[in-house]
């Protein structure tokens, strides 16, 4: 699955491909999901939130801006805002492709 490392838009994957990618990034999923729950506003990311996306090339810049932060107060306002858009925009990523037109309204969510 190394071919996904350069994927410019993770929304182009089918649901099966998304699930396969999630399985490939199990370690990253666990690490990022734990961190996101301390960084995101309520509602916190669900167990099936694709936190592993932060370990992929399309979200490298957001992950770098998050850095070692563990609490929301450690993030810049801009980074906290972008993180909230990410959490809301990808909440259903592993469940459905419906409603992804939200990305057209906010280009920051395209990855």
Protein backbone atom coordinates (compact mmCIF):
# COMPACT_ATOMS: atom_id res chain seq x y z
CA UNK A 1 0.00 0.00 0.00
CA UNK A 2 2.93 2.34 -0.27
CA UNK A 3 1.19 3.78 -3.30
CA UNK A 4 -1.12 5.64 -0.90
CA UNK A 5 1.76 7.64 0.56
CA UNK A 6 1.67 10.06 -2.33
CA UNK A 7 -2.10 10.13 -2.68
CA UNK A 8 -3.09 13.75 -3.11
CA UNK A 9 -6.77 13.34 -2.23
CA UNK A 10 -7.76 10.57 0.19
CA UNK A 11 -11.42 11.02 -0.77
CA UNK A 12 -10.81 9.23 -4.07
CA UNK A 13 -10.49 5.87 -2.31
CA UNK A 14 -13.40 3.45 -2.19
CA UNK A 15 -14.70 2.43 1.23
CA UNK A 16 -12.90 -0.91 0.93
CA UNK A 17 -9.63 0.86 0.12
CA UNK A 18 -10.16 3.21 3.06
CA UNK A 19 -10.66 0.27 5.40
CA UNK A 20 -7.56 -1.44 4.03
CA UNK A 21 -5.52 1.71 4.54
CA UNK A 22 -6.86 2.00 8.09
CA UNK A 23 -5.74 -1.59 8.76
CA UNK A 24 -2.28 -0.81 7.37
CA UNK A 25 -1.90 2.18 9.71
CA UNK A 26 -3.09 0.52 12.94
CA UNK A 27 -0.23 1.84 15.04
CA UNK A 28 -0.61 5.38 13.71
CA UNK A 29 -4.37 5.17 14.20
CA UNK A 30 -3.98 4.34 17.87
CA UNK A 31 -1.39 7.04 18.49
CA UNK A 32 -3.20 9.82 16.66
CA UNK A 33 -6.68 8.95 17.92
CA UNK A 34 -5.49 9.15 21.51
CA UNK A 35 -3.88 12.53 20.84
CA UNK A 36 -6.83 13.91 18.90
CA UNK A 37 -9.17 13.20 21.76
CA UNK A 38 -7.09 15.56 23.88
CA UNK A 39 -6.83 18.19 21.15
CA UNK A 40 -10.28 18.28 19.54
CA UNK A 41 -13.34 20.03 20.84
CA UNK A 42 -16.50 18.12 21.72
CA UNK A 43 -17.74 15.92 20.31
CA UNK A 44 -14.46 14.01 20.49
CA UNK A 45 -13.50 11.75 17.57
CA UNK A 46 -15.27 8.37 17.62
CA UNK A 47 -13.43 5.06 17.68
CA UNK A 48 -13.74 4.80 13.90
CA UNK A 49 -12.43 8.30 13.20
CA UNK A 50 -9.56 8.02 10.65
CA UNK A 51 -6.89 9.61 12.83
CA UNK A 52 -4.26 7.66 10.87
CA UNK A 53 -4.72 10.14 8.00
CA UNK A 54 -2.45 12.49 9.94
CA UNK A 55 0.36 10.00 9.30
CA UNK A 56 -0.11 10.23 5.53
CA UNK A 57 1.43 12.66 3.07
CA UNK A 58 -1.73 14.70 2.37
CA UNK A 59 -1.94 15.71 6.05
CA UNK A 60 1.75 16.01 6.82
CA UNK A 61 1.57 19.79 7.24
CA UNK A 62 -1.29 19.64 9.74
CA UNK A 63 0.49 16.91 11.69
CA UNK A 64 3.67 19.02 11.74
CA UNK A 65 1.74 22.05 13.01
CA UNK A 66 0.19 19.92 15.75
CA UNK A 67 3.71 18.85 16.70
CA UNK A 68 3.92 17.41 20.20
CA UNK A 69 0.80 19.16 21.49
CA UNK A 70 -1.39 17.08 23.78
CA UNK A 71 -3.96 19.71 24.76
CA UNK A 72 -5.90 22.19 22.63
CA UNK A 73 -4.42 25.18 24.48
CA UNK A 74 -1.00 24.21 23.10
CA UNK A 75 -2.14 24.79 19.50
CA UNK A 76 -2.16 28.07 17.64
CA UNK A 77 -5.65 29.38 16.88
CA UNK A 78 -5.12 28.66 13.17
CA UNK A 79 -4.01 25.08 13.81
CA UNK A 80 -6.86 24.44 16.26
CA UNK A 81 -9.33 25.73 13.70
CA UNK A 82 -7.90 23.56 10.92
CA UNK A 83 -7.90 20.55 13.23
CA UNK A 84 -11.61 21.08 13.98
CA UNK A 85 -12.39 21.21 10.25
CA UNK A 86 -10.39 18.01 9.78
CA UNK A 87 -12.22 16.23 12.62
CA UNK A 88 -15.64 17.30 11.36
CA UNK A 89 -14.86 16.75 7.69
CA UNK A 90 -13.51 13.23 8.10
CA UNK A 91 -15.86 12.00 10.86
CA UNK A 92 -17.66 9.59 8.49
CA UNK A 93 -14.70 8.79 6.24
CA UNK A 94 -14.60 5.08 7.11
CA UNK A 95 -18.41 4.68 7.07
CA UNK A 96 -19.66 6.41 3.95
CA UNK A 97 -18.74 8.56 0.99
CA UNK A 98 -22.03 10.44 1.26
CA UNK A 99 -21.83 14.10 2.18
CA UNK A 100 -18.27 14.62 1.04
CA UNK A 101 -19.38 17.73 -0.82
CA UNK A 102 -18.42 19.51 2.41
CA UNK A 103 -14.89 19.47 1.03
CA UNK A 104 -15.93 21.61 -1.90
CA UNK A 105 -17.05 24.32 0.52
CA UNK A 106 -13.79 24.31 2.47
CA UNK A 107 -10.61 23.67 0.49
CA UNK A 108 -8.63 23.12 3.71
CA UNK A 109 -10.35 19.75 4.05
CA UNK A 110 -9.08 18.37 0.79
CA UNK A 111 -5.89 17.13 2.34
